[in-house]
Structure formats: C-alpha cells, structure tokens
Amino acid sequence: RDRAFNDYHVETLLTRCNKIKALGLELNLTDVSLINIGQCLNGTLEELSLGPCDEISLWGFLELKYMPRLKILNVFYYRCKDEGEEIQNLRKHLPHLMIKTFWWLNWLKFVSSVTYKQENYGQLKINV
C-alpha cells in the first residue's frame, strides 16, 4: 500500500479545513488536487505554493482562475533556471496571479524561509 501523501489525502484535508489562507504542498500532485483546492478554498485561499508539478496540466492550473482571493502562486519549476513555455502559458492564462517560479536551490531556500505562522504536517504547510 502506498503511504505517500496524495490527491486523496489533499481532498480529505480540504474538506475538513476549508478556511485556509496560505497552503504549501511540497508534493507531486495532479489536476485532481487543484480541482479540490478550487472547490474547497475558493473563498479563502490567497497564496498557493506547489512543489513538483509534473502531473498538473495547464487545464488543472486553469482551475485557479475561478478563485477570486488567490493572488500568489509559487511554483517549483524543475527543468532549469530559465522559465519555460509552460510558465509563460500560465502567466498568459492567469494574469490576475503573481506567479513566482523556483528551481532546485531557490525552492529549498524559499521553503525554509516561510515565516508566517504555520503548522507543519510532514511535507504540508498550512496557514489558517
């Protein structure tokens, strides 16, 4: 049995904690989690930080378009220092968001520098 934190666990968390303002998921998630984030945190989420996004498509990210309070999207971009076409597409389709990208070393610094009040659940950071 897979013990990794996955889309199912994110859904469970979000149905129980639906007033989250800042959420950091250092996990490899799929479009399913972004759909659940959009449905459960539509009225409260202001900042979303995502770890590796290999399994999230442009269509998954477009779910964030319908979140009026969301202003900041931090994305771990694993390919290289320079932003690729995928990130440019995100900026084009989500112009209301400030999209920050991080690659390996910058991501590690960013994650370790989060200063807001948080509760840590392994690889999950939550600000309520």
C-alpha atoms as a PDB file:
ATOM      1  CA  ARG A   1       0.000   0.000   0.000  1.00  0.00           C
ATOM      2  CA  ASP A   2       1.330   3.449  -0.972  1.00  0.00           C
ATOM      3  CA  ARG A   3       1.919   5.613   2.091  1.00  0.00           C
ATOM      4  CA  ALA A   4       2.739   8.803   0.165  1.00  0.00           C
ATOM      5  CA  PHE A   5       0.602  11.866   0.659  1.00  0.00           C
ATOM      6  CA  ASN A   6      -1.527  12.081  -2.490  1.00  0.00           C
ATOM      7  CA  ASP A   7      -4.645  13.623  -4.058  1.00  0.00           C
ATOM      8  CA  TYR A   8      -6.948  11.620  -1.784  1.00  0.00           C
ATOM      9  CA  HIS A   9      -5.240  12.988   1.331  1.00  0.00           C
ATOM     10  CA  VAL A  10      -5.394  16.546  -0.020  1.00  0.00           C
ATOM     11  CA  GLU A  11      -9.139  16.125  -0.620  1.00  0.00           C
ATOM     12  CA  THR A  12      -9.640  14.830   2.920  1.00  0.00           C
ATOM     13  CA  LEU A  13      -7.672  17.728   4.401  1.00  0.00           C
ATOM     14  CA  LEU A  14      -9.526  20.349   2.353  1.00  0.00           C
ATOM     15  CA  THR A  15     -12.985  19.059   3.219  1.00  0.00           C
ATOM     16  CA  ARG A  16     -12.093  19.332   6.913  1.00  0.00           C
ATOM     17  CA  CYS A  17     -10.100  22.578   6.767  1.00  0.00           C
ATOM     18  CA  ASN A  18     -11.846  24.893   4.344  1.00  0.00           C
ATOM     19  CA  LYS A  19     -10.733  28.290   5.649  1.00  0.00           C
ATOM     20  CA  ILE A  20      -7.050  28.067   4.729  1.00  0.00           C
ATOM     21  CA  LYS A  21      -5.441  31.316   3.527  1.00  0.00           C
ATOM     22  CA  ALA A  22      -1.997  30.026   2.524  1.00  0.00           C
ATOM     23  CA  LEU A  23      -1.235  26.473   1.501  1.00  0.00           C
ATOM     24  CA  GLY A  24       2.096  24.880   0.614  1.00  0.00           C
ATOM     25  CA  LEU A  25       2.110  21.426  -0.912  1.00  0.00           C
ATOM     26  CA  GLU A  26       5.598  20.075  -1.477  1.00  0.00           C
ATOM     27  CA  LEU A  27       4.171  17.023  -3.164  1.00  0.00           C
ATOM     28  CA  ASN A  28       3.815  15.693  -6.672  1.00  0.00           C
ATOM     29  CA  LEU A  29       0.072  16.194  -7.189  1.00  0.00           C
ATOM     30  CA  THR A  30      -2.297  16.000 -10.141  1.00  0.00           C
ATOM     31  CA  ASP A  31      -5.109  18.096 -11.613  1.00  0.00           C
ATOM     32  CA  VAL A  32      -7.466  16.418  -9.128  1.00  0.00           C
ATOM     33  CA  SER A  33      -5.878  18.272  -6.212  1.00  0.00           C
ATOM     34  CA  LEU A  34      -6.131  21.636  -7.965  1.00  0.00           C
ATOM     35  CA  ILE A  35      -9.795  20.973  -8.682  1.00  0.00           C
ATOM     36  CA  ASN A  36     -10.335  20.167  -4.990  1.00  0.00           C
ATOM     37  CA  ILE A  37      -8.391  23.251  -3.903  1.00  0.00           C
ATOM     38  CA  GLY A  38     -10.567  25.375  -6.180  1.00  0.00           C
ATOM     39  CA  GLN A  39     -13.781  23.875  -4.844  1.00  0.00           C
ATOM     40  CA  CYS A  40     -12.915  23.848  -1.144  1.00  0.00           C
ATOM     41  CA  LEU A  41     -10.832  27.014  -0.746  1.00  0.00           C
ATOM     42  CA  ASN A  42     -12.483  29.233  -3.331  1.00  0.00           C
ATOM     43  CA  GLY A  43     -13.398  31.959  -0.851  1.00  0.00           C
ATOM     44  CA  THR A  44     -10.330  31.954   1.400  1.00  0.00           C
ATOM     45  CA  LEU A  45      -7.073  30.933  -0.312  1.00  0.00           C
ATOM     46  CA  GLU A  46      -4.724  33.864  -1.006  1.00  0.00           C
ATOM     47  CA  GLU A  47      -1.404  32.099  -1.618  1.00  0.00           C
ATOM     48  CA  LEU A  48      -0.630  28.658  -3.030  1.00  0.00           C
ATOM     49  CA  SER A  49       2.842  27.108  -3.147  1.00  0.00           C
ATOM     50  CA  LEU A  50       3.284  23.914  -5.138  1.00  0.00           C
ATOM     51  CA  GLY A  51       6.221  21.542  -5.218  1.00  0.00           C
ATOM     52  CA  PRO A  52       6.974  19.494  -8.350  1.00  0.00           C
ATOM     53  CA  CYS A  53       4.114  19.956 -10.827  1.00  0.00           C
ATOM     54  CA  ASP A  54       4.931  17.169 -13.280  1.00  0.00           C
ATOM     55  CA  GLU A  55       1.409  15.728 -13.126  1.00  0.00           C
ATOM     56  CA  ILE A  56      -0.510  19.021 -13.304  1.00  0.00           C
ATOM     57  CA  SER A  57      -1.647  20.113 -16.765  1.00  0.00           C
ATOM     58  CA  LEU A  58      -2.459  23.606 -17.977  1.00  0.00           C
ATOM     59  CA  TRP A  59      -6.135  22.650 -17.584  1.00  0.00           C
ATOM     60  CA  GLY A  60      -5.516  21.842 -13.933  1.00  0.00           C
ATOM     61  CA  PHE A  61      -3.876  25.215 -13.338  1.00  0.00           C
ATOM     62  CA  LEU A  62      -6.794  26.932 -15.074  1.00  0.00           C
ATOM     63  CA  GLU A  63      -8.971  25.839 -12.133  1.00  0.00           C
ATOM     64  CA  LEU A  64      -7.220  28.615 -10.206  1.00  0.00           C
ATOM     65  CA  LYS A  65      -8.826  31.183 -12.496  1.00  0.00           C
ATOM     66  CA  TYR A  66     -12.047  30.932 -10.502  1.00  0.00           C
ATOM     67  CA  MET A  67     -10.504  31.733  -7.126  1.00  0.00           C
ATOM     68  CA  PRO A  68     -11.110  35.459  -6.528  1.00  0.00           C
ATOM     69  CA  ARG A  69      -8.940  35.810  -3.408  1.00  0.00           C
ATOM     70  CA  LEU A  70      -5.931  33.923  -4.789  1.00  0.00           C
ATOM     71  CA  LYS A  71      -3.177  36.423  -5.578  1.00  0.00           C
ATOM     72  CA  ILE A  72       0.116  34.490  -5.373  1.00  0.00           C
ATOM     73  CA  LEU A  73       1.132  31.199  -6.959  1.00  0.00           C
ATOM     74  CA  ASN A  74       4.591  29.843  -6.129  1.00  0.00           C
ATOM     75  CA  VAL A  75       5.636  27.015  -8.430  1.00  0.00           C
ATOM     76  CA  PHE A  76       8.642  24.725  -8.238  1.00  0.00           C
ATOM     77  CA  TYR A  77       9.970  24.570 -11.805  1.00  0.00           C
ATOM     78  CA  TYR A  78      12.377  21.666 -12.118  1.00  0.00           C
ATOM     79  CA  ARG A  79      13.594  21.973 -15.703  1.00  0.00           C
ATOM     80  CA  CYS A  80      16.162  24.779 -15.434  1.00  0.00           C
ATOM     81  CA  LYS A  81      16.820  28.266 -14.098  1.00  0.00           C
ATOM     82  CA  ASP A  82      15.009  29.901 -17.015  1.00  0.00           C
ATOM     83  CA  GLU A  83      11.245  29.814 -17.177  1.00  0.00           C
ATOM     84  CA  GLY A  84       9.877  27.630 -19.910  1.00  0.00           C
ATOM     85  CA  GLU A  85       6.918  27.814 -22.206  1.00  0.00           C
ATOM     86  CA  GLU A  86       4.685  26.213 -19.566  1.00  0.00           C
ATOM     87  CA  ILE A  87       5.233  29.066 -17.119  1.00  0.00           C
ATOM     88  CA  GLN A  88       4.702  31.683 -19.823  1.00  0.00           C
ATOM     89  CA  ASN A  89       1.385  29.984 -20.687  1.00  0.00           C
ATOM     90  CA  LEU A  90       0.365  30.113 -17.033  1.00  0.00           C
ATOM     91  CA  ARG A  91       1.083  33.836 -16.892  1.00  0.00           C
ATOM     92  CA  LYS A  92      -0.881  34.372 -20.082  1.00  0.00           C
ATOM     93  CA  HIS A  93      -3.952  32.460 -18.870  1.00  0.00           C
ATOM     94  CA  LEU A  94      -3.806  33.589 -15.227  1.00  0.00           C
ATOM     95  CA  PRO A  95      -2.901  37.294 -15.484  1.00  0.00           C
ATOM     96  CA  HIS A  96      -4.509  38.108 -12.110  1.00  0.00           C
ATOM     97  CA  LEU A  97      -1.922  35.965 -10.291  1.00  0.00           C
ATOM     98  CA  MET A  98       1.598  36.863  -9.304  1.00  0.00           C
ATOM     99  CA  ILE A  99       3.374  33.678 -10.389  1.00  0.00           C
ATOM    100  CA  LYS A 100       6.777  33.085  -8.847  1.00  0.00           C
ATOM    101  CA  THR A 101       8.937  30.221 -10.035  1.00  0.00           C
ATOM    102  CA  PHE A 102      11.710  28.479  -8.172  1.00  0.00           C
ATOM    103  CA  TRP A 103      14.211  25.888  -9.259  1.00  0.00           C
ATOM    104  CA  TRP A 104      16.029  23.406  -7.012  1.00  0.00           C
ATOM    105  CA  LEU A 105      18.207  25.573  -4.766  1.00  0.00           C
ATOM    106  CA  ASN A 106      15.851  28.552  -4.782  1.00  0.00           C
ATOM    107  CA  TRP A 107      12.909  26.290  -3.884  1.00  0.00           C
ATOM    108  CA  LEU A 108      14.795  24.877  -0.894  1.00  0.00           C
ATOM    109  CA  LYS A 109      15.616  28.405   0.299  1.00  0.00           C
ATOM    110  CA  PHE A 110      12.015  29.540  -0.236  1.00  0.00           C
ATOM    111  CA  VAL A 111      10.517  26.602   1.646  1.00  0.00           C
ATOM    112  CA  SER A 112      12.898  27.066   4.570  1.00  0.00           C
ATOM    113  CA  SER A 113      12.223  30.826   4.737  1.00  0.00           C
ATOM    114  CA  VAL A 114       8.456  30.707   5.125  1.00  0.00           C
ATOM    115  CA  THR A 115       7.890  32.999   8.083  1.00  0.00           C
ATOM    116  CA  TYR A 116       4.133  33.106   8.537  1.00  0.00           C
ATOM    117  CA  LYS A 117       2.519  31.209  11.406  1.00  0.00           C
ATOM    118  CA  GLN A 118       2.263  27.656  10.236  1.00  0.00           C
ATOM    119  CA  GLU A 119       1.551  24.155  11.334  1.00  0.00           C
ATOM    120  CA  ASN A 120       3.755  21.517   9.745  1.00  0.00           C
ATOM    121  CA  TYR A 121       2.379  18.157   8.684  1.00  0.00           C
ATOM    122  CA  GLY A 122       5.362  16.484   7.097  1.00  0.00           C
ATOM    123  CA  GLN A 123       5.544  17.995   3.650  1.00  0.00           C
ATOM    124  CA  LEU A 124       2.459  20.137   4.104  1.00  0.00           C
ATOM    125  CA  LYS A 125       2.417  23.734   5.322  1.00  0.00           C
ATOM    126  CA  ILE A 126      -0.811  25.443   6.258  1.00  0.00           C
ATOM    127  CA  ASN A 127      -1.635  28.968   7.384  1.00  0.00           C
ATOM    128  CA  VAL A 128      -5.157  29.369   8.790  1.00  0.00           C
END
